[in-house]
Amino acid sequence: MRSKTKRLIVGLAALAAVAIMAPSAYAATPAPGFGQFANCPTKTESPTVVYCIKSTVKGGHFQMGSKDVPITVPMTLSGGLGENGDILKGPTGPILTQAKQKVPGGVVGLTGLTWLLEILGSEALTLYAVTETAGTVNFGESLTLPIKVHLVNSTLGNNCYVGSTSNPIKLSLTAATTNPPPPNTPITGTVPNFTFENGVLKGTDGVLVDNSFSAPGASGCVLTLFGFIPISINGLVNTQSGLPAAAGTNETKQVVDEELAEVGNVYP
């Protein structure tokens, strides 16, 4: 009898745990017409959220040091916009999607190791840059975006980065005119074309710019010879890429579409 009672208590405890966890296990569904804001947290999840935001970078370029990477794969920034302008992480994914941008010149251009072509061939040396957030994103007078850039190719190991959470590349993206240190000169972005329809503010074909940021040296880049001899190649990457690169020597221009809606309309 005691055994049956014990099993019953354990079973009820398990059901109670499922019931407690269930509300957080399933993301709320946006109202019809607001499905693009699925990565926006609800008021229950983030009490300070005021708006839901989605911004898609659909073109432009990112240049740091001597490397200039065209943005050909769209990147989406989404989440909730808090009272203080911070972008709040949503339930369905990261604030910034991790799109792979092809780096001209590949691994050989990054390292200068031309002999890798004879061993691996050009296809295996294709290099991608993936932008990841590395701190709090804030949407105020400008878009403050701390990032780290993951250089992706198995030849470099799994942790080859420019920038880190402790030492990020700090972008301050604006549609206004920049004021960079020399040798860069001011550049000007473009305010999006805004429309308002069915509770959604839409901005298209805006251009956000920044040419005042600095970029640190590479870290974690490792070439493994014969499958078991790891050699750090951070120095090679830095030499070939002009890193670290001081403020006033780098530039990004990003063509964006934006959407914004009140959280109360998205989750009525």
Protein backbone atom coordinates (compact mmCIF):
# COMPACT_ATOMS: atom_id res chain seq x y z
CA MET A 1 0.00 0.00 0.00
CA ARG A 2 2.79 2.37 0.88
CA SER A 3 4.45 1.59 -2.46
CA LYS A 4 1.29 2.55 -4.39
CA THR A 5 0.92 5.75 -2.37
CA LYS A 6 4.53 6.65 -3.02
CA ARG A 7 4.13 6.10 -6.78
CA LEU A 8 0.98 8.24 -6.77
CA ILE A 9 2.78 11.11 -4.99
CA VAL A 10 5.70 10.93 -7.42
CA GLY A 11 3.32 10.92 -10.38
CA LEU A 12 1.38 13.93 -9.09
CA ALA A 13 4.65 15.80 -8.46
CA ALA A 14 5.73 15.14 -12.06
CA LEU A 15 2.41 16.42 -13.40
CA ALA A 16 2.70 19.52 -11.24
CA ALA A 17 6.19 20.20 -12.61
CA VAL A 18 4.91 19.91 -16.17
CA ALA A 19 2.05 22.28 -15.36
CA ILE A 20 4.47 24.83 -13.89
CA MET A 21 6.82 24.67 -16.87
CA ALA A 22 4.14 24.61 -19.56
CA PRO A 23 3.51 28.40 -19.80
CA SER A 24 7.19 29.09 -20.53
CA ALA A 25 7.61 26.12 -22.86
CA TYR A 26 5.38 27.52 -25.57
CA ALA A 27 5.90 30.96 -27.10
CA ALA A 28 2.87 33.23 -27.40
CA THR A 29 1.45 33.61 -30.91
CA PRO A 30 1.30 37.12 -32.40
CA ALA A 31 -2.08 38.38 -33.57
CA PRO A 32 -2.98 38.02 -37.28
CA GLY A 33 -1.00 40.51 -39.36
CA PHE A 34 1.85 40.64 -36.81
CA GLY A 35 3.53 37.29 -37.44
CA GLN A 36 6.81 38.99 -38.39
CA PHE A 37 7.22 39.89 -34.71
CA ALA A 38 7.27 36.28 -33.43
CA ASN A 39 10.68 36.91 -31.83
CA CYS A 40 9.28 39.73 -29.69
CA PRO A 41 8.77 38.90 -25.99
CA THR A 42 5.39 39.44 -24.35
CA LYS A 43 4.83 41.75 -21.39
CA THR A 44 4.82 38.67 -19.20
CA GLU A 45 8.22 37.58 -20.48
CA SER A 46 9.77 41.09 -20.43
CA PRO A 47 7.73 43.62 -18.40
CA THR A 48 9.67 46.61 -19.82
CA VAL A 49 8.94 45.85 -23.48
CA VAL A 50 7.05 48.65 -25.27
CA TYR A 51 7.43 47.87 -28.97
CA CYS A 52 8.21 44.89 -31.16
CA ILE A 53 10.89 45.44 -33.78
CA LYS A 54 12.22 43.69 -36.85
CA SER A 55 15.04 45.16 -38.93
CA THR A 56 16.48 43.39 -41.97
CA VAL A 57 19.90 44.26 -43.38
CA LYS A 58 19.54 43.43 -47.06
CA GLY A 59 22.73 44.89 -48.53
CA GLY A 60 25.80 47.01 -48.03
CA HIS A 61 29.30 46.15 -46.86
CA PHE A 62 31.48 45.79 -43.79
CA GLN A 63 35.12 46.85 -43.98
CA MET A 64 37.61 46.52 -41.17
CA GLY A 65 41.33 46.72 -41.64
CA SER A 66 42.18 45.73 -45.21
CA LYS A 67 39.22 43.34 -45.62
CA ASP A 68 35.94 44.50 -47.16
CA VAL A 69 33.06 42.01 -47.05
CA PRO A 70 29.89 42.62 -49.09
CA ILE A 71 26.61 41.88 -47.31
CA THR A 72 24.83 39.50 -49.69
CA VAL A 73 22.87 37.30 -47.26
CA PRO A 74 20.14 39.18 -45.33
CA MET A 75 20.60 39.55 -41.58
CA THR A 76 17.62 40.13 -39.32
CA LEU A 77 17.65 41.92 -35.99
CA SER A 78 14.47 41.28 -34.02
CA GLY A 79 13.12 41.33 -30.50
CA GLY A 80 11.38 43.73 -28.17
CA LEU A 81 12.20 47.40 -27.69
CA GLY A 82 12.37 48.27 -24.01
CA GLU A 83 11.59 51.52 -22.24
CA ASN A 84 15.28 52.51 -22.25
CA GLY A 85 15.83 51.57 -25.90
CA ASP A 86 17.48 48.20 -25.22
CA ILE A 87 16.60 45.40 -27.63
CA LEU A 88 15.21 42.52 -25.58
CA LYS A 89 15.77 38.93 -26.64
CA GLY A 90 12.69 37.09 -27.82
CA PRO A 91 11.51 33.49 -27.49
CA THR A 92 12.32 32.07 -30.92
CA GLY A 93 15.98 32.87 -31.58
CA PRO A 94 18.91 35.28 -31.17
CA ILE A 95 18.49 39.03 -31.55
CA LEU A 96 20.64 38.91 -34.69
CA THR A 97 20.44 36.01 -37.14
CA GLN A 98 23.84 34.52 -37.87
CA ALA A 99 24.09 34.91 -41.65
CA LYS A 100 27.23 33.65 -43.41
CA GLN A 101 28.79 36.33 -45.62
CA LYS A 102 31.41 35.12 -48.10
CA VAL A 103 34.82 36.74 -47.55
CA PRO A 104 36.67 37.65 -50.77
CA GLY A 105 40.02 35.86 -51.03
CA GLY A 106 39.02 33.04 -48.69
CA VAL A 107 41.40 31.55 -46.14
CA VAL A 108 44.43 32.17 -48.37
CA GLY A 109 43.63 35.88 -48.59
CA LEU A 110 43.14 35.97 -44.83
CA THR A 111 46.38 34.19 -43.93
CA GLY A 112 48.67 34.50 -46.96
CA LEU A 113 49.31 30.73 -46.83
CA THR A 114 49.19 30.00 -50.56
CA TRP A 115 50.48 26.42 -50.10
CA LEU A 116 47.11 25.50 -48.58
CA LEU A 117 45.69 25.59 -52.11
CA GLU A 118 47.87 22.67 -53.17
CA ILE A 119 46.77 20.56 -50.20
CA LEU A 120 43.09 21.45 -49.82
CA GLY A 121 41.99 23.19 -53.03
CA SER A 122 40.14 26.46 -53.32
CA GLU A 123 36.68 25.05 -52.55
CA ALA A 124 37.72 23.84 -49.09
CA LEU A 125 39.25 27.24 -48.34
CA THR A 126 36.06 29.26 -48.82
CA LEU A 127 35.78 31.63 -45.85
CA TYR A 128 32.67 33.08 -44.25
CA ALA A 129 32.18 35.90 -41.77
CA VAL A 130 29.30 35.60 -39.30
CA THR A 131 28.33 38.63 -37.22
CA GLU A 132 27.23 37.88 -33.65
CA THR A 133 26.06 40.25 -30.94
CA ALA A 134 28.54 40.72 -28.09
CA GLY A 135 26.62 42.84 -25.61
CA THR A 136 23.49 44.92 -25.15
CA VAL A 137 21.95 46.29 -28.35
CA ASN A 138 20.32 49.71 -27.93
CA PHE A 139 18.09 51.61 -30.34
CA GLY A 140 18.35 55.28 -29.37
CA GLU A 141 19.52 58.24 -31.45
CA SER A 142 21.71 55.66 -33.18
CA LEU A 143 21.73 51.87 -33.19
CA THR A 144 24.41 50.82 -30.71
CA LEU A 145 25.49 47.36 -31.77
CA PRO A 146 28.42 45.60 -30.04
CA ILE A 147 29.52 42.66 -32.19
CA LYS A 148 32.13 39.99 -32.72
CA VAL A 149 32.89 38.49 -36.13
CA HIS A 150 33.30 34.74 -36.38
CA LEU A 151 35.62 33.69 -39.22
CA VAL A 152 34.23 30.35 -40.32
CA ASN A 153 36.32 27.66 -42.00
CA SER A 154 37.42 24.37 -40.50
CA THR A 155 41.04 25.18 -41.39
CA LEU A 156 40.97 27.99 -38.80
CA GLY A 157 39.46 25.93 -35.98
CA ASN A 158 36.08 26.64 -34.40
CA ASN A 159 36.90 29.78 -32.43
CA CYS A 160 38.54 32.22 -34.85
CA TYR A 161 37.07 35.64 -34.01
CA VAL A 162 37.66 39.34 -34.41
CA GLY A 163 36.14 40.88 -31.32
CA SER A 164 34.74 39.25 -28.20
CA THR A 165 32.18 39.83 -25.47
CA SER A 166 34.89 41.46 -23.34
CA ASN A 167 36.37 43.43 -26.27
CA PRO A 168 33.66 43.91 -28.91
CA ILE A 169 33.58 45.91 -32.11
CA LYS A 170 31.30 48.77 -31.07
CA LEU A 171 29.13 49.97 -33.94
CA SER A 172 27.07 53.15 -33.70
CA LEU A 173 24.90 53.00 -36.81
CA THR A 174 23.11 56.16 -37.92
CA ALA A 175 21.16 57.57 -40.84
CA ALA A 176 22.71 60.99 -40.11
CA THR A 177 26.25 62.20 -40.83
CA THR A 178 29.18 60.62 -39.01
CA ASN A 179 32.08 62.43 -37.36
CA PRO A 180 34.99 60.00 -37.61
CA PRO A 181 38.61 60.54 -36.63
CA PRO A 182 41.00 60.88 -39.59
CA PRO A 183 41.89 59.56 -42.07
CA ASN A 184 38.19 58.76 -42.59
CA THR A 185 35.92 61.64 -43.58
CA PRO A 186 32.22 62.09 -42.73
CA ILE A 187 29.67 59.93 -44.54
CA THR A 188 25.89 60.23 -44.46
CA GLY A 189 23.19 57.59 -44.27
CA THR A 190 19.64 57.69 -45.58
CA VAL A 191 16.43 57.89 -43.55
CA PRO A 192 14.05 55.06 -44.53
CA ASN A 193 10.85 55.73 -46.47
CA PHE A 194 8.16 55.36 -43.79
CA THR A 195 4.57 54.20 -44.10
CA PHE A 196 2.01 53.20 -41.45
CA GLU A 197 -0.42 50.41 -42.18
CA ASN A 198 -2.61 48.24 -39.94
CA GLY A 199 -0.73 49.14 -36.80
CA VAL A 200 2.74 48.58 -38.24
CA LEU A 201 5.27 51.35 -38.93
CA LYS A 202 7.36 50.28 -41.92
CA GLY A 203 10.60 51.84 -43.14
CA THR A 204 12.19 50.74 -46.40
CA ASP A 205 15.55 51.30 -48.08
CA GLY A 206 17.21 53.12 -45.22
CA VAL A 207 21.00 53.28 -45.09
CA LEU A 208 22.73 53.10 -41.72
CA VAL A 209 26.42 54.02 -41.60
CA ASP A 210 29.37 54.08 -39.24
CA ASN A 211 33.04 54.79 -39.98
CA SER A 212 34.20 55.71 -36.47
CA PHE A 213 34.64 52.27 -34.92
CA SER A 214 37.85 50.40 -34.16
CA ALA A 215 38.50 46.67 -34.60
CA PRO A 216 40.71 44.50 -32.36
CA GLY A 217 43.08 41.80 -33.48
CA ALA A 218 42.02 38.24 -34.20
CA SER A 219 41.94 35.57 -31.51
CA GLY A 220 41.44 31.83 -31.40
CA CYS A 221 42.61 31.19 -34.99
CA VAL A 222 44.42 27.85 -35.06
CA LEU A 223 45.87 25.87 -37.96
CA THR A 224 46.13 22.17 -37.14
CA LEU A 225 48.91 20.45 -39.09
CA PHE A 226 48.72 16.72 -39.83
CA GLY A 227 45.50 16.58 -37.87
CA PHE A 228 47.08 16.91 -34.43
CA ILE A 229 49.60 19.78 -34.29
CA PRO A 230 47.78 23.06 -33.47
CA ILE A 231 49.57 26.29 -34.39
CA SER A 232 48.21 29.74 -33.55
CA ILE A 233 47.93 31.90 -36.67
CA ASN A 234 46.45 35.02 -35.06
CA GLY A 235 49.56 36.94 -36.08
CA LEU A 236 49.23 35.90 -39.72
CA VAL A 237 45.55 36.85 -39.80
CA ASN A 238 46.29 40.23 -38.24
CA THR A 239 49.15 40.98 -40.63
CA GLN A 240 47.19 40.02 -43.74
CA SER A 241 44.00 41.78 -42.58
CA GLY A 242 45.45 45.00 -41.18
CA LEU A 243 44.30 44.25 -37.64
CA PRO A 244 43.98 45.65 -35.08
CA ALA A 245 42.52 48.60 -36.97
CA ALA A 246 42.19 51.98 -35.26
CA ALA A 247 39.05 54.10 -35.30
CA GLY A 248 38.89 56.12 -38.48
CA THR A 249 40.13 53.32 -40.73
CA ASN A 250 37.00 51.14 -40.91
CA GLU A 251 33.54 51.53 -42.42
CA THR A 252 30.15 49.88 -42.73
CA LYS A 253 27.10 50.81 -44.78
CA GLN A 254 23.95 48.76 -44.30
CA VAL A 255 20.77 48.94 -46.37
CA VAL A 256 17.83 48.17 -44.09
CA ASP A 257 14.09 47.61 -43.99
CA GLU A 258 12.46 48.13 -40.59
CA GLU A 259 9.13 47.30 -38.95
CA LEU A 260 7.82 48.48 -35.59
CA ALA A 261 4.57 47.81 -33.71
CA GLU A 262 3.24 48.32 -30.19
CA VAL A 263 3.55 45.18 -28.12
CA GLY A 264 -0.13 45.51 -27.13
CA ASN A 265 -1.13 45.17 -30.79
CA VAL A 266 1.16 42.20 -31.39
CA TYR A 267 -0.08 40.36 -28.26
CA PRO A 268 -3.56 41.81 -27.55
